[in-house]
Protein backbone atom coordinates (compact mmCIF):
# COMPACT_ATOMS: atom_id res chain seq x y z
CA MET A 1 11.82 0.13 -72.07
CA ALA A 2 13.08 -3.30 -73.97
CA MET A 3 16.11 -3.18 -71.51
CA VAL A 4 13.38 -3.03 -68.36
CA ASN A 5 11.66 -6.08 -69.73
CA GLY A 6 14.60 -8.02 -70.07
CA ARG A 7 15.76 -7.46 -66.73
CA THR A 8 12.14 -8.17 -65.63
CA LYS A 9 12.54 -11.41 -67.48
CA TRP A 10 15.70 -12.49 -65.77
CA VAL A 11 14.66 -11.47 -62.30
CA ILE A 12 11.62 -13.75 -63.00
CA LEU A 13 13.71 -16.40 -64.23
CA ALA A 14 16.08 -15.98 -60.83
CA VAL A 15 13.40 -16.20 -58.55
CA SER A 16 12.01 -19.11 -60.12
CA LEU A 17 15.18 -20.98 -60.18
CA PHE A 18 15.70 -20.32 -56.62
CA ALA A 19 12.18 -21.40 -55.60
CA ALA A 20 12.67 -24.58 -57.52
CA SER A 21 15.91 -25.53 -55.66
CA CYS A 22 14.65 -24.70 -52.27
CA SER A 23 12.83 -28.40 -51.74
CA PRO A 24 16.33 -30.21 -53.30
CA LEU A 25 18.40 -27.92 -50.99
CA ASP A 26 16.18 -29.05 -48.24
CA ASP A 27 16.62 -32.51 -48.61
CA ALA A 28 20.09 -32.21 -49.22
CA LEU A 29 20.61 -30.58 -45.78
CA ALA A 30 18.11 -33.33 -44.56
CA GLY A 31 20.86 -35.86 -46.11
CA ILE A 32 23.34 -34.57 -43.96
CA PHE A 33 21.97 -33.62 -40.66
CA GLY A 34 19.03 -36.18 -40.37
CA ARG A 35 15.90 -34.35 -40.48
CA HIS A 36 14.02 -31.28 -41.30
CA MET A 37 11.07 -29.44 -40.16
CA ARG A 38 9.21 -30.45 -43.37
CA ASP A 39 9.04 -34.23 -42.11
CA SER A 40 9.79 -33.59 -38.21
CA ARG A 41 9.82 -36.82 -35.91
CA SER A 42 6.60 -35.53 -34.18
CA PHE A 43 3.70 -37.96 -33.26
CA ASP A 44 1.61 -38.23 -35.99
CA PRO A 45 -2.22 -37.94 -35.62
CA TYR A 46 -3.82 -41.51 -34.46
CA GLU A 47 -0.25 -42.98 -33.82
CA ASN A 48 -0.07 -45.73 -31.14
CA THR A 49 2.36 -44.35 -28.58
CA ILE A 50 4.83 -46.89 -26.66
CA ALA A 51 6.20 -46.55 -23.17
CA PRO A 52 8.93 -43.99 -22.93
CA PRO A 53 12.53 -45.18 -22.58
CA GLU A 54 14.08 -45.12 -18.90
CA ASN A 55 15.20 -41.44 -17.78
CA THR A 56 13.36 -40.08 -20.76
CA LEU A 57 10.63 -37.41 -20.37
CA PRO A 58 7.53 -39.06 -21.12
CA PHE A 59 4.88 -38.08 -23.74
CA ALA A 60 2.10 -38.35 -21.56
CA SER A 61 3.35 -36.38 -18.69
CA GLY A 62 1.77 -33.01 -19.96
CA ASN A 63 -1.85 -34.50 -19.53
CA MET A 64 -1.05 -37.37 -16.96
CA THR A 65 -3.22 -35.82 -13.77
CA PRO A 66 -4.44 -37.14 -10.79
CA GLY A 67 -7.91 -36.27 -11.29
CA VAL A 68 -10.09 -33.61 -12.99
CA GLY A 69 -9.24 -29.96 -12.94
CA ARG A 70 -5.59 -30.74 -11.07
CA LEU A 71 -2.23 -30.53 -12.51
CA ASN A 72 0.29 -32.97 -12.51
CA THR A 73 2.48 -32.41 -9.37
CA GLY A 74 4.97 -35.04 -9.64
CA GLN A 75 3.16 -38.26 -9.07
CA PRO A 76 5.37 -41.24 -10.71
CA GLU A 77 4.61 -41.28 -14.46
CA MET A 78 2.34 -44.67 -15.46
CA GLY A 79 1.80 -45.33 -11.38
CA VAL A 80 -1.89 -45.18 -11.84
CA MET A 81 -2.23 -45.90 -15.71
CA ALA A 82 -2.54 -49.18 -17.04
CA PRO A 83 0.45 -50.69 -18.66
CA PRO A 84 0.82 -50.25 -22.23
CA PHE A 85 -1.17 -52.43 -24.73
CA VAL A 86 -2.26 -52.71 -28.08
CA GLN A 87 -5.45 -53.95 -29.68
CA ALA A 88 -4.37 -57.59 -30.38
CA ASP A 89 -4.30 -57.20 -26.18
CA LEU A 90 -8.29 -56.96 -26.21
CA PRO A 91 -9.46 -60.14 -25.02
CA ILE A 92 -12.07 -61.74 -27.22
CA ASP A 93 -14.26 -62.40 -24.37
CA GLY A 94 -14.42 -58.50 -23.53
CA SER A 95 -12.72 -59.09 -20.19
CA ALA A 96 -10.61 -56.44 -19.38
CA PRO A 97 -6.78 -56.31 -21.17
CA MET A 98 -4.07 -56.59 -18.56
CA GLY A 99 -6.55 -57.38 -15.87
CA ILE A 100 -7.28 -53.36 -15.43
CA ILE A 101 -10.03 -52.17 -13.22
CA ASN A 102 -11.80 -49.02 -13.06
CA PRO A 103 -10.48 -47.15 -10.25
CA VAL A 104 -13.09 -44.33 -10.40
CA ALA A 105 -15.95 -44.46 -8.74
CA PRO A 106 -19.41 -43.65 -11.08
CA ASP A 107 -20.46 -40.55 -8.52
CA SER A 108 -22.03 -37.26 -9.92
CA VAL A 109 -18.54 -35.72 -10.52
CA SER A 110 -17.66 -38.53 -12.43
CA LEU A 111 -20.50 -38.60 -14.67
CA ASN A 112 -20.89 -35.10 -14.89
CA ARG A 113 -17.51 -35.33 -16.46
CA GLY A 114 -18.05 -38.38 -18.36
CA GLU A 115 -20.92 -36.71 -20.23
CA VAL A 116 -18.97 -33.52 -21.14
CA MET A 117 -16.25 -35.81 -22.86
CA TYR A 118 -18.73 -38.26 -24.16
CA ASN A 119 -20.51 -35.53 -26.05
CA ARG A 120 -17.58 -34.12 -27.13
CA VAL A 121 -15.59 -37.20 -28.41
CA CYS A 122 -17.94 -39.98 -28.60
CA GLY A 123 -21.51 -38.28 -29.76
CA VAL A 124 -20.49 -37.34 -32.94
CA CYS A 125 -20.50 -40.92 -34.08
CA HIS A 126 -22.54 -42.71 -31.27
CA GLY A 127 -25.51 -40.12 -30.62
CA VAL A 128 -26.39 -38.48 -27.62
CA GLU A 129 -28.10 -41.73 -26.35
CA GLY A 130 -25.02 -43.80 -27.45
CA ILE A 131 -27.47 -46.06 -29.91
CA GLY A 132 -26.08 -44.26 -33.05
CA ALA A 133 -29.03 -42.82 -34.40
CA GLY A 134 -29.25 -39.09 -34.47
CA SER A 135 -25.31 -38.91 -34.62
CA THR A 136 -23.43 -36.10 -36.50
CA ILE A 137 -21.80 -38.15 -38.93
CA ILE A 138 -25.28 -39.80 -40.34
CA ASP A 139 -26.16 -36.85 -42.70
CA LYS A 140 -22.45 -37.28 -44.41
CA TYR A 141 -22.02 -40.81 -44.22
CA PRO A 142 -25.62 -42.67 -43.82
CA LEU A 143 -23.85 -46.20 -44.11
CA LEU A 144 -21.63 -45.65 -41.44
CA VAL A 145 -23.73 -46.78 -38.42
CA ALA A 146 -21.85 -46.80 -35.19
CA TYR A 147 -22.01 -49.40 -32.85
CA ASN A 148 -24.93 -49.55 -30.14
CA LEU A 149 -23.12 -48.70 -26.76
CA SER A 150 -26.25 -48.53 -24.98
CA GLY A 151 -27.20 -52.30 -26.00
CA PRO A 152 -26.72 -55.29 -23.95
CA ARG A 153 -23.70 -56.37 -26.18
CA VAL A 154 -21.66 -53.66 -24.60
CA ALA A 155 -23.34 -53.76 -21.52
CA GLY A 156 -21.68 -57.36 -21.23
CA LEU A 157 -18.17 -55.89 -21.86
CA SER A 158 -16.17 -55.30 -19.00
CA ASP A 159 -15.14 -51.53 -17.94
CA GLY A 160 -11.57 -52.17 -18.63
CA TYR A 161 -12.37 -53.33 -22.41
CA ILE A 162 -14.09 -50.13 -22.90
CA TYR A 163 -11.36 -48.31 -21.67
CA GLY A 164 -9.01 -50.20 -24.04
CA ILE A 165 -10.90 -49.50 -27.21
CA LEU A 166 -11.07 -45.68 -26.15
CA ARG A 167 -7.42 -45.92 -25.70
CA VAL A 168 -6.13 -48.36 -28.53
CA GLY A 169 -9.16 -48.27 -30.76
CA ARG A 170 -10.82 -51.31 -32.68
CA GLY A 171 -12.14 -51.82 -36.16
CA LEU A 172 -13.06 -48.50 -37.71
CA MET A 173 -12.83 -46.67 -34.54
CA PRO A 174 -9.63 -45.02 -34.20
CA ALA A 175 -7.58 -44.68 -30.65
CA TYR A 176 -8.11 -41.61 -28.55
CA GLY A 177 -5.23 -42.16 -26.20
CA HIS A 178 -3.58 -39.23 -26.94
CA GLN A 179 -6.79 -36.99 -26.89
CA VAL A 180 -8.33 -38.18 -24.19
CA SER A 181 -6.46 -38.23 -20.66
CA HIS A 182 -6.35 -41.62 -18.64
CA PHE A 183 -8.84 -40.40 -15.91
CA ASP A 184 -11.18 -38.93 -18.63
CA ARG A 185 -11.30 -42.35 -20.35
CA TRP A 186 -12.69 -43.89 -17.03
CA HIS A 187 -15.30 -41.12 -16.53
CA ILE A 188 -16.45 -41.72 -20.28
CA VAL A 189 -16.80 -45.28 -19.25
CA ASN A 190 -18.91 -44.58 -16.25
CA TYR A 191 -20.87 -42.33 -18.03
CA ILE A 192 -21.78 -45.24 -21.02
CA ARG A 193 -22.71 -47.38 -18.18
CA SER A 194 -25.36 -44.75 -17.26
CA LEU A 195 -26.65 -44.73 -20.81
CA GLN A 196 -27.01 -48.65 -20.82
CA ARG A 197 -29.03 -48.46 -17.45
CA ASN A 198 -31.07 -46.07 -19.03
CA ALA A 199 -31.86 -47.94 -22.22
CA GLY A 200 -32.60 -50.96 -19.55
CA ASN A 201 -29.29 -52.90 -20.22
CA PHE A 202 -27.32 -53.39 -17.09
CA PRO A 203 -23.83 -53.51 -17.48
CA VAL A 204 -21.37 -55.93 -15.89
CA GLU A 205 -20.40 -54.81 -12.12
CA GLU A 206 -16.85 -54.30 -11.37
CA GLY A 207 -14.99 -53.48 -7.93
CA LEU A 208 -13.06 -50.48 -7.45
CA GLU A 209 -9.52 -50.53 -6.53
């Protein structure tokens, strides 16, 4: 019996030493090969991506589609997408960054898609009507009042500026460029415009490309 207990102790000790050596061994291999799965080179949540290097596979190629419900059929990457920009490029006067113009007509298809995406992505903080009241986060964060998207201030911003905030974020709002595709951002912009009209605040009118 004493011999069995002794063997058990040695087994436990060996397993403990082996488990403890996993992390240092992993770090040592990472020092040789330059990486390991625990700290991979994948994109982090809310990380702002940059334009892909020439002759490489773009990060956005999987979700950069020519329209709602359509697959990427080989159109030139970045061809219809606004050029890369960051928060610092958002103009103070609310005009469109990089001079981008809304290419999506606010028809019923766009508004229906915009409503779906708005409720999925924006409504959690801004509420169903866009005024911040009744949002999901109020119960947990009562002092965190989201911006009134239906008010005159946002109604005075350009479509491109609202698109830019969706793409790169601003203030407490994180960037959603990696979660919401190019066309869905414009559909959300069109839907926000409809919320503003419903609230009696007529938005800035922009021409279509």
